[in-house]
């Protein structure tokens, strides 16, 4: 059995720094993929990687200039109704629909790309279908 040691202490320190940051929110739009500090999460929740606990996140709904509803992405092959395959910078990725969440702008680092509008519409429909059961 393989055990993973989670680095909650480092994440908590970074989370305090992120929460205390006072910078202008970036201009962001629906359909953009950004590197975001998603953190060290619990159980089946998807975690970020590296020293800043980042992972690509797709903005599916902009709520205001400070926050959005986002879906984290993974490059690991995933299959099923909880996942949506898409290309990010010509690489295969999978939106983890079950991990959709509200995200504050302070978690955002830099933009990776923008996905086509028709693909964003299909992802939104897949989320709706998943939630409606």
C-alpha atoms as a PDB file:
ATOM      1  CA  UNK A   1       0.000   0.000   0.000  1.00  0.00           C
ATOM      2  CA  UNK A   2       1.310   3.439  -0.954  1.00  0.00           C
ATOM      3  CA  UNK A   3       0.800   6.325   1.449  1.00  0.00           C
ATOM      4  CA  UNK A   4       0.990   9.915   0.334  1.00  0.00           C
ATOM      5  CA  UNK A   5       2.120  12.490   2.839  1.00  0.00           C
ATOM      6  CA  UNK A   6       0.017  15.574   2.403  1.00  0.00           C
ATOM      7  CA  UNK A   7       1.668  18.898   2.980  1.00  0.00           C
ATOM      8  CA  UNK A   8      -1.087  20.718   4.845  1.00  0.00           C
ATOM      9  CA  UNK A   9       1.315  22.961   6.759  1.00  0.00           C
ATOM     10  CA  UNK A  10       2.907  24.382   3.593  1.00  0.00           C
ATOM     11  CA  UNK A  11      -0.516  24.798   2.012  1.00  0.00           C
ATOM     12  CA  UNK A  12      -1.854  26.576   5.102  1.00  0.00           C
ATOM     13  CA  UNK A  13       1.094  29.007   5.083  1.00  0.00           C
ATOM     14  CA  UNK A  14       0.582  29.717   1.369  1.00  0.00           C
ATOM     15  CA  UNK A  15      -3.177  30.047   1.870  1.00  0.00           C
ATOM     16  CA  UNK A  16      -2.600  32.744   4.506  1.00  0.00           C
ATOM     17  CA  UNK A  17      -0.316  34.590   2.077  1.00  0.00           C
ATOM     18  CA  UNK A  18      -2.832  34.276  -0.796  1.00  0.00           C
ATOM     19  CA  UNK A  19      -5.726  35.412   1.402  1.00  0.00           C
ATOM     20  CA  UNK A  20      -3.760  38.436   2.575  1.00  0.00           C
ATOM     21  CA  UNK A  21      -2.659  39.485  -0.884  1.00  0.00           C
ATOM     22  CA  UNK A  22      -4.027  42.820  -1.954  1.00  0.00           C
ATOM     23  CA  UNK A  23      -3.722  43.169  -5.709  1.00  0.00           C
ATOM     24  CA  UNK A  24      -6.070  44.164  -8.478  1.00  0.00           C
ATOM     25  CA  UNK A  25      -8.144  41.314  -9.819  1.00  0.00           C
ATOM     26  CA  UNK A  26      -7.013  40.253 -13.293  1.00  0.00           C
ATOM     27  CA  UNK A  27      -9.325  40.633 -16.260  1.00  0.00           C
ATOM     28  CA  UNK A  28     -10.727  37.176 -16.880  1.00  0.00           C
ATOM     29  CA  UNK A  29     -13.524  35.707 -18.996  1.00  0.00           C
ATOM     30  CA  UNK A  30     -15.558  32.561 -19.279  1.00  0.00           C
ATOM     31  CA  UNK A  31     -13.767  29.930 -21.341  1.00  0.00           C
ATOM     32  CA  UNK A  32     -10.275  30.857 -20.168  1.00  0.00           C
ATOM     33  CA  UNK A  33      -7.988  28.352 -18.491  1.00  0.00           C
ATOM     34  CA  UNK A  34      -5.829  29.771 -15.690  1.00  0.00           C
ATOM     35  CA  UNK A  35      -3.219  28.339 -13.360  1.00  0.00           C
ATOM     36  CA  UNK A  36      -4.848  28.538  -9.914  1.00  0.00           C
ATOM     37  CA  UNK A  37      -3.647  27.618  -6.433  1.00  0.00           C
ATOM     38  CA  UNK A  38      -6.282  24.988  -5.639  1.00  0.00           C
ATOM     39  CA  UNK A  39      -4.486  23.787  -2.526  1.00  0.00           C
ATOM     40  CA  UNK A  40      -3.880  20.562  -0.670  1.00  0.00           C
ATOM     41  CA  UNK A  41      -7.277  18.989  -0.393  1.00  0.00           C
ATOM     42  CA  UNK A  42      -8.902  16.181   1.538  1.00  0.00           C
ATOM     43  CA  UNK A  43      -9.857  12.687   0.378  1.00  0.00           C
ATOM     44  CA  UNK A  44     -11.094  12.584  -3.206  1.00  0.00           C
ATOM     45  CA  UNK A  45     -10.851  16.335  -3.735  1.00  0.00           C
ATOM     46  CA  UNK A  46      -8.391  17.304  -6.454  1.00  0.00           C
ATOM     47  CA  UNK A  47      -5.194  18.954  -5.185  1.00  0.00           C
ATOM     48  CA  UNK A  48      -2.796  21.386  -6.756  1.00  0.00           C
ATOM     49  CA  UNK A  49       0.801  20.462  -7.479  1.00  0.00           C
ATOM     50  CA  UNK A  50       4.189  21.987  -6.825  1.00  0.00           C
ATOM     51  CA  UNK A  51       5.199  24.587  -4.245  1.00  0.00           C
ATOM     52  CA  UNK A  52       2.218  26.808  -5.082  1.00  0.00           C
ATOM     53  CA  UNK A  53      -0.322  23.933  -5.173  1.00  0.00           C
ATOM     54  CA  UNK A  54      -1.448  24.976  -8.676  1.00  0.00           C
ATOM     55  CA  UNK A  55      -3.445  23.297 -11.359  1.00  0.00           C
ATOM     56  CA  UNK A  56      -5.212  24.501 -14.514  1.00  0.00           C
ATOM     57  CA  UNK A  57      -8.792  25.625 -13.897  1.00  0.00           C
ATOM     58  CA  UNK A  58     -11.394  26.373 -16.574  1.00  0.00           C
ATOM     59  CA  UNK A  59     -13.622  29.388 -15.913  1.00  0.00           C
ATOM     60  CA  UNK A  60     -17.151  28.235 -16.746  1.00  0.00           C
ATOM     61  CA  UNK A  61     -19.092  31.125 -15.204  1.00  0.00           C
ATOM     62  CA  UNK A  62     -17.826  34.566 -14.216  1.00  0.00           C
ATOM     63  CA  UNK A  63     -19.756  35.723 -11.142  1.00  0.00           C
ATOM     64  CA  UNK A  64     -18.230  39.177 -10.749  1.00  0.00           C
ATOM     65  CA  UNK A  65     -14.783  40.734 -11.156  1.00  0.00           C
ATOM     66  CA  UNK A  66     -13.586  38.922  -8.027  1.00  0.00           C
ATOM     67  CA  UNK A  67     -14.781  35.348  -8.480  1.00  0.00           C
ATOM     68  CA  UNK A  68     -15.943  32.618 -10.807  1.00  0.00           C
ATOM     69  CA  UNK A  69     -17.192  29.057 -10.991  1.00  0.00           C
ATOM     70  CA  UNK A  70     -14.321  26.905 -12.185  1.00  0.00           C
ATOM     71  CA  UNK A  71     -13.553  23.307 -13.048  1.00  0.00           C
ATOM     72  CA  UNK A  72     -10.087  21.912 -12.337  1.00  0.00           C
ATOM     73  CA  UNK A  73      -8.342  20.073 -15.157  1.00  0.00           C
ATOM     74  CA  UNK A  74      -6.110  17.026 -15.163  1.00  0.00           C
ATOM     75  CA  UNK A  75      -3.824  15.629 -17.852  1.00  0.00           C
ATOM     76  CA  UNK A  76      -4.449  12.053 -16.669  1.00  0.00           C
ATOM     77  CA  UNK A  77      -6.798  10.084 -18.877  1.00  0.00           C
ATOM     78  CA  UNK A  78     -10.285   9.956 -17.360  1.00  0.00           C
ATOM     79  CA  UNK A  79     -13.448   8.397 -18.701  1.00  0.00           C
ATOM     80  CA  UNK A  80     -17.096   8.705 -17.691  1.00  0.00           C
ATOM     81  CA  UNK A  81     -19.858  11.241 -17.229  1.00  0.00           C
ATOM     82  CA  UNK A  82     -17.888  13.074 -14.519  1.00  0.00           C
ATOM     83  CA  UNK A  83     -15.169  14.054 -17.000  1.00  0.00           C
ATOM     84  CA  UNK A  84     -15.006  16.082 -20.181  1.00  0.00           C
ATOM     85  CA  UNK A  85     -12.102  15.677 -22.620  1.00  0.00           C
ATOM     86  CA  UNK A  86     -10.648  18.874 -24.091  1.00  0.00           C
ATOM     87  CA  UNK A  87      -7.434  20.252 -25.572  1.00  0.00           C
ATOM     88  CA  UNK A  88      -5.365  22.790 -23.670  1.00  0.00           C
ATOM     89  CA  UNK A  89      -2.480  24.147 -25.725  1.00  0.00           C
ATOM     90  CA  UNK A  90      -2.715  21.110 -28.051  1.00  0.00           C
ATOM     91  CA  UNK A  91      -2.458  18.662 -25.133  1.00  0.00           C
ATOM     92  CA  UNK A  92      -5.158  16.262 -23.959  1.00  0.00           C
ATOM     93  CA  UNK A  93      -6.787  17.323 -20.700  1.00  0.00           C
ATOM     94  CA  UNK A  94      -9.899  16.353 -18.799  1.00  0.00           C
ATOM     95  CA  UNK A  95     -12.228  18.684 -16.928  1.00  0.00           C
ATOM     96  CA  UNK A  96     -13.155  17.032 -13.629  1.00  0.00           C
ATOM     97  CA  UNK A  97     -16.833  18.011 -13.603  1.00  0.00           C
ATOM     98  CA  UNK A  98     -17.467  16.583 -10.128  1.00  0.00           C
ATOM     99  CA  UNK A  99     -14.979  19.113  -8.705  1.00  0.00           C
ATOM    100  CA  UNK A 100     -16.772  22.272  -9.934  1.00  0.00           C
ATOM    101  CA  UNK A 101     -16.320  25.050  -7.370  1.00  0.00           C
ATOM    102  CA  UNK A 102     -16.450  28.741  -6.570  1.00  0.00           C
ATOM    103  CA  UNK A 103     -12.990  30.332  -6.878  1.00  0.00           C
ATOM    104  CA  UNK A 104     -11.671  33.696  -5.741  1.00  0.00           C
ATOM    105  CA  UNK A 105      -9.419  35.742  -8.055  1.00  0.00           C
ATOM    106  CA  UNK A 106      -6.593  35.685  -5.503  1.00  0.00           C
ATOM    107  CA  UNK A 107      -5.986  32.012  -6.347  1.00  0.00           C
ATOM    108  CA  UNK A 108      -5.303  32.934 -10.006  1.00  0.00           C
ATOM    109  CA  UNK A 109      -1.744  33.117 -11.336  1.00  0.00           C
ATOM    110  CA  UNK A 110      -1.570  33.303 -15.125  1.00  0.00           C
ATOM    111  CA  UNK A 111      -3.683  32.468 -18.124  1.00  0.00           C
ATOM    112  CA  UNK A 112      -2.895  29.351 -20.148  1.00  0.00           C
ATOM    113  CA  UNK A 113      -5.371  29.635 -23.019  1.00  0.00           C
ATOM    114  CA  UNK A 114      -8.974  30.155 -24.057  1.00  0.00           C
ATOM    115  CA  UNK A 115     -11.128  27.289 -25.255  1.00  0.00           C
ATOM    116  CA  UNK A 116     -13.584  27.689 -28.160  1.00  0.00           C
ATOM    117  CA  UNK A 117     -17.074  28.966 -27.290  1.00  0.00           C
ATOM    118  CA  UNK A 118     -18.813  25.867 -28.663  1.00  0.00           C
ATOM    119  CA  UNK A 119     -16.662  23.634 -26.460  1.00  0.00           C
ATOM    120  CA  UNK A 120     -17.451  25.778 -23.396  1.00  0.00           C
ATOM    121  CA  UNK A 121     -21.165  25.390 -24.165  1.00  0.00           C
ATOM    122  CA  UNK A 122     -20.771  21.590 -24.306  1.00  0.00           C
ATOM    123  CA  UNK A 123     -18.917  21.586 -20.966  1.00  0.00           C
ATOM    124  CA  UNK A 124     -21.635  23.715 -19.335  1.00  0.00           C
ATOM    125  CA  UNK A 125     -24.263  21.263 -20.629  1.00  0.00           C
ATOM    126  CA  UNK A 126     -22.251  18.326 -19.261  1.00  0.00           C
ATOM    127  CA  UNK A 127     -22.126  20.000 -15.813  1.00  0.00           C
ATOM    128  CA  UNK A 128     -25.875  20.650 -15.919  1.00  0.00           C
ATOM    129  CA  UNK A 129     -26.564  17.047 -16.938  1.00  0.00           C
ATOM    130  CA  UNK A 130     -24.321  15.770 -14.132  1.00  0.00           C
ATOM    131  CA  UNK A 131     -26.075  17.906 -11.495  1.00  0.00           C
ATOM    132  CA  UNK A 132     -29.568  17.115 -12.701  1.00  0.00           C
ATOM    133  CA  UNK A 133     -28.796  13.383 -12.556  1.00  0.00           C
END
